[in-house]
């Protein structure tokens, strides 16, 4: 779907809430572990993972606007 519909059903809102929650939790964990590891390769991987999940959160928020 290219655009979000004008009206979002309760079921759709619940699913978007779940998607946001999953990505937010994953982003927080990636951010945490990025700061915990010393290996630069793993640190970069955690940073890319964090950015990916953050972008997904931003996408869900843009749908809800």
N, C-alpha and C. Protein backbone atom coordinates (compact mmCIF):
# COMPACT_ATOMS: atom_id res chain seq x y z
N UNK A 1 0.85 -1.16 0.00
CA UNK A 1 0.00 0.00 0.00
C UNK A 1 0.90 1.23 0.00
N UNK A 2 0.70 2.12 -0.95
CA UNK A 2 1.51 3.32 -1.07
C UNK A 2 1.16 4.38 -0.02
N UNK A 3 -0.12 4.51 0.27
CA UNK A 3 -0.58 5.52 1.23
C UNK A 3 -1.46 4.87 2.29
N UNK A 4 -1.41 5.44 3.47
CA UNK A 4 -2.30 4.97 4.54
C UNK A 4 -3.71 5.46 4.23
N UNK A 5 -4.71 4.65 4.56
CA UNK A 5 -6.09 5.10 4.33
C UNK A 5 -6.42 6.29 5.23
N UNK A 6 -7.46 7.01 4.85
CA UNK A 6 -7.87 8.19 5.62
C UNK A 6 -8.28 7.80 7.03
N UNK A 7 -8.93 6.66 7.15
CA UNK A 7 -9.38 6.19 8.46
C UNK A 7 -8.70 4.87 8.78
N UNK A 8 -8.19 4.74 9.97
CA UNK A 8 -7.53 3.50 10.40
C UNK A 8 -8.46 2.81 11.40
N UNK A 9 -8.73 1.53 11.13
CA UNK A 9 -9.63 0.79 12.01
C UNK A 9 -8.96 0.50 13.35
N UNK A 10 -9.75 0.10 14.32
CA UNK A 10 -9.22 -0.24 15.64
C UNK A 10 -8.24 -1.39 15.55
N UNK A 11 -8.56 -2.36 14.71
CA UNK A 11 -7.67 -3.52 14.53
C UNK A 11 -6.34 -3.08 13.89
N UNK A 12 -6.42 -2.20 12.88
CA UNK A 12 -5.20 -1.68 12.26
C UNK A 12 -4.36 -0.90 13.27
N UNK A 13 -5.01 -0.10 14.09
CA UNK A 13 -4.30 0.68 15.10
C UNK A 13 -3.60 -0.24 16.10
N UNK A 14 -4.28 -1.30 16.50
CA UNK A 14 -3.67 -2.26 17.42
C UNK A 14 -2.45 -2.91 16.79
N UNK A 15 -2.55 -3.26 15.50
CA UNK A 15 -1.41 -3.87 14.82
C UNK A 15 -0.26 -2.88 14.68
N UNK A 16 -0.56 -1.63 14.32
CA UNK A 16 0.49 -0.62 14.22
C UNK A 16 1.16 -0.39 15.57
N UNK A 17 0.37 -0.44 16.64
CA UNK A 17 0.92 -0.31 17.99
C UNK A 17 1.88 -1.45 18.28
N UNK A 18 1.50 -2.66 17.91
CA UNK A 18 2.37 -3.82 18.09
C UNK A 18 3.66 -3.67 17.29
N UNK A 19 3.53 -3.28 16.02
CA UNK A 19 4.71 -3.11 15.17
C UNK A 19 5.65 -2.08 15.78
N UNK A 20 5.08 -0.96 16.23
CA UNK A 20 5.91 0.08 16.85
C UNK A 20 6.61 -0.48 18.09
N UNK A 21 5.88 -1.20 18.92
CA UNK A 21 6.46 -1.75 20.14
C UNK A 21 7.60 -2.72 19.87
N UNK A 22 7.41 -3.60 18.89
CA UNK A 22 8.47 -4.56 18.55
C UNK A 22 9.73 -3.84 18.09
N UNK A 23 9.55 -2.86 17.21
CA UNK A 23 10.70 -2.13 16.67
C UNK A 23 11.34 -1.23 17.72
N UNK A 24 10.54 -0.63 18.57
CA UNK A 24 11.09 0.23 19.62
C UNK A 24 11.94 -0.58 20.59
N UNK A 25 11.43 -1.74 20.98
CA UNK A 25 12.18 -2.62 21.89
C UNK A 25 13.48 -3.08 21.24
N UNK A 26 13.41 -3.48 19.98
CA UNK A 26 14.61 -3.94 19.27
C UNK A 26 15.62 -2.80 19.13
N UNK A 27 15.14 -1.58 18.86
CA UNK A 27 16.03 -0.43 18.74
C UNK A 27 16.72 -0.13 20.07
N UNK A 28 15.96 -0.19 21.15
CA UNK A 28 16.55 0.05 22.48
C UNK A 28 17.62 -0.97 22.80
N UNK A 29 17.35 -2.25 22.50
CA UNK A 29 18.33 -3.30 22.79
C UNK A 29 19.58 -3.14 21.93
N UNK A 30 19.41 -2.83 20.64
CA UNK A 30 20.56 -2.62 19.76
C UNK A 30 21.39 -1.44 20.25
N UNK A 31 20.73 -0.36 20.66
CA UNK A 31 21.44 0.82 21.17
C UNK A 31 22.22 0.47 22.44
N UNK A 32 21.59 -0.28 23.32
CA UNK A 32 22.24 -0.68 24.57
C UNK A 32 23.49 -1.52 24.29
N UNK A 33 23.34 -2.55 23.45
CA UNK A 33 24.46 -3.45 23.18
C UNK A 33 25.55 -2.76 22.37
N UNK A 34 25.17 -1.78 21.55
CA UNK A 34 26.16 -1.00 20.80
C UNK A 34 27.13 -0.32 21.77
N UNK A 35 26.60 0.14 22.88
CA UNK A 35 27.43 0.82 23.88
C UNK A 35 28.15 -0.13 24.82
N UNK A 36 27.77 -1.41 24.81
CA UNK A 36 28.38 -2.38 25.71
C UNK A 36 29.56 -3.13 25.10
N UNK A 37 29.55 -3.31 23.78
CA UNK A 37 30.59 -4.12 23.14
C UNK A 37 31.83 -3.29 22.82
N UNK A 38 32.96 -3.97 22.73
CA UNK A 38 34.21 -3.29 22.39
C UNK A 38 34.63 -3.55 20.96
N UNK A 39 34.17 -4.65 20.39
CA UNK A 39 34.52 -5.01 19.01
C UNK A 39 33.86 -4.02 18.05
N UNK A 40 34.66 -3.32 17.26
CA UNK A 40 34.14 -2.27 16.38
C UNK A 40 33.20 -2.82 15.30
N UNK A 41 33.46 -4.03 14.83
CA UNK A 41 32.60 -4.63 13.81
C UNK A 41 31.20 -4.90 14.37
N UNK A 42 31.15 -5.43 15.58
CA UNK A 42 29.87 -5.70 16.23
C UNK A 42 29.18 -4.40 16.58
N UNK A 43 29.96 -3.42 17.02
CA UNK A 43 29.41 -2.10 17.36
C UNK A 43 28.73 -1.48 16.13
N UNK A 44 29.39 -1.58 14.97
CA UNK A 44 28.83 -1.03 13.74
C UNK A 44 27.56 -1.80 13.34
N UNK A 45 27.58 -3.10 13.51
CA UNK A 45 26.39 -3.91 13.21
C UNK A 45 25.22 -3.52 14.11
N UNK A 46 25.48 -3.32 15.40
CA UNK A 46 24.43 -2.91 16.33
C UNK A 46 23.92 -1.52 15.97
N UNK A 47 24.81 -0.65 15.50
CA UNK A 47 24.38 0.69 15.10
C UNK A 47 23.47 0.63 13.87
N UNK A 48 23.81 -0.21 12.90
CA UNK A 48 22.97 -0.37 11.71
C UNK A 48 21.62 -0.98 12.10
N UNK A 49 21.64 -1.92 13.01
CA UNK A 49 20.40 -2.54 13.49
C UNK A 49 19.53 -1.50 14.19
N UNK A 50 20.16 -0.68 15.03
CA UNK A 50 19.44 0.39 15.72
C UNK A 50 18.78 1.34 14.70
N UNK A 51 19.55 1.76 13.70
CA UNK A 51 19.03 2.69 12.69
C UNK A 51 17.86 2.08 11.91
N UNK A 52 17.97 0.80 11.58
CA UNK A 52 16.90 0.14 10.84
C UNK A 52 15.60 0.14 11.64
N UNK A 53 15.69 -0.23 12.92
CA UNK A 53 14.48 -0.28 13.75
C UNK A 53 13.95 1.12 14.05
N UNK A 54 14.84 2.09 14.18
CA UNK A 54 14.41 3.47 14.40
C UNK A 54 13.64 3.98 13.18
N UNK A 55 14.11 3.65 11.99
CA UNK A 55 13.41 4.05 10.77
C UNK A 55 12.01 3.42 10.71
N UNK A 56 11.90 2.18 11.15
CA UNK A 56 10.59 1.53 11.16
C UNK A 56 9.65 2.22 12.14
N UNK A 57 10.17 2.62 13.29
CA UNK A 57 9.35 3.37 14.26
C UNK A 57 8.90 4.69 13.66
N UNK A 58 9.81 5.38 12.98
CA UNK A 58 9.46 6.65 12.34
C UNK A 58 8.39 6.45 11.27
N UNK A 59 8.47 5.34 10.54
CA UNK A 59 7.49 5.05 9.50
C UNK A 59 6.10 4.84 10.11
N UNK A 60 6.03 4.09 11.20
CA UNK A 60 4.73 3.87 11.86
C UNK A 60 4.17 5.20 12.37
N UNK A 61 5.03 6.02 12.95
CA UNK A 61 4.57 7.32 13.45
C UNK A 61 4.07 8.21 12.31
N UNK A 62 4.72 8.14 11.16
CA UNK A 62 4.27 8.95 10.02
C UNK A 62 2.90 8.48 9.51
N UNK A 63 2.64 7.18 9.59
CA UNK A 63 1.33 6.66 9.21
C UNK A 63 0.25 7.21 10.15
N UNK A 64 0.58 7.30 11.43
CA UNK A 64 -0.40 7.74 12.42
C UNK A 64 -0.63 9.25 12.40
N UNK A 65 0.27 9.98 11.77
CA UNK A 65 0.05 11.43 11.67
C UNK A 65 -1.09 11.67 10.74
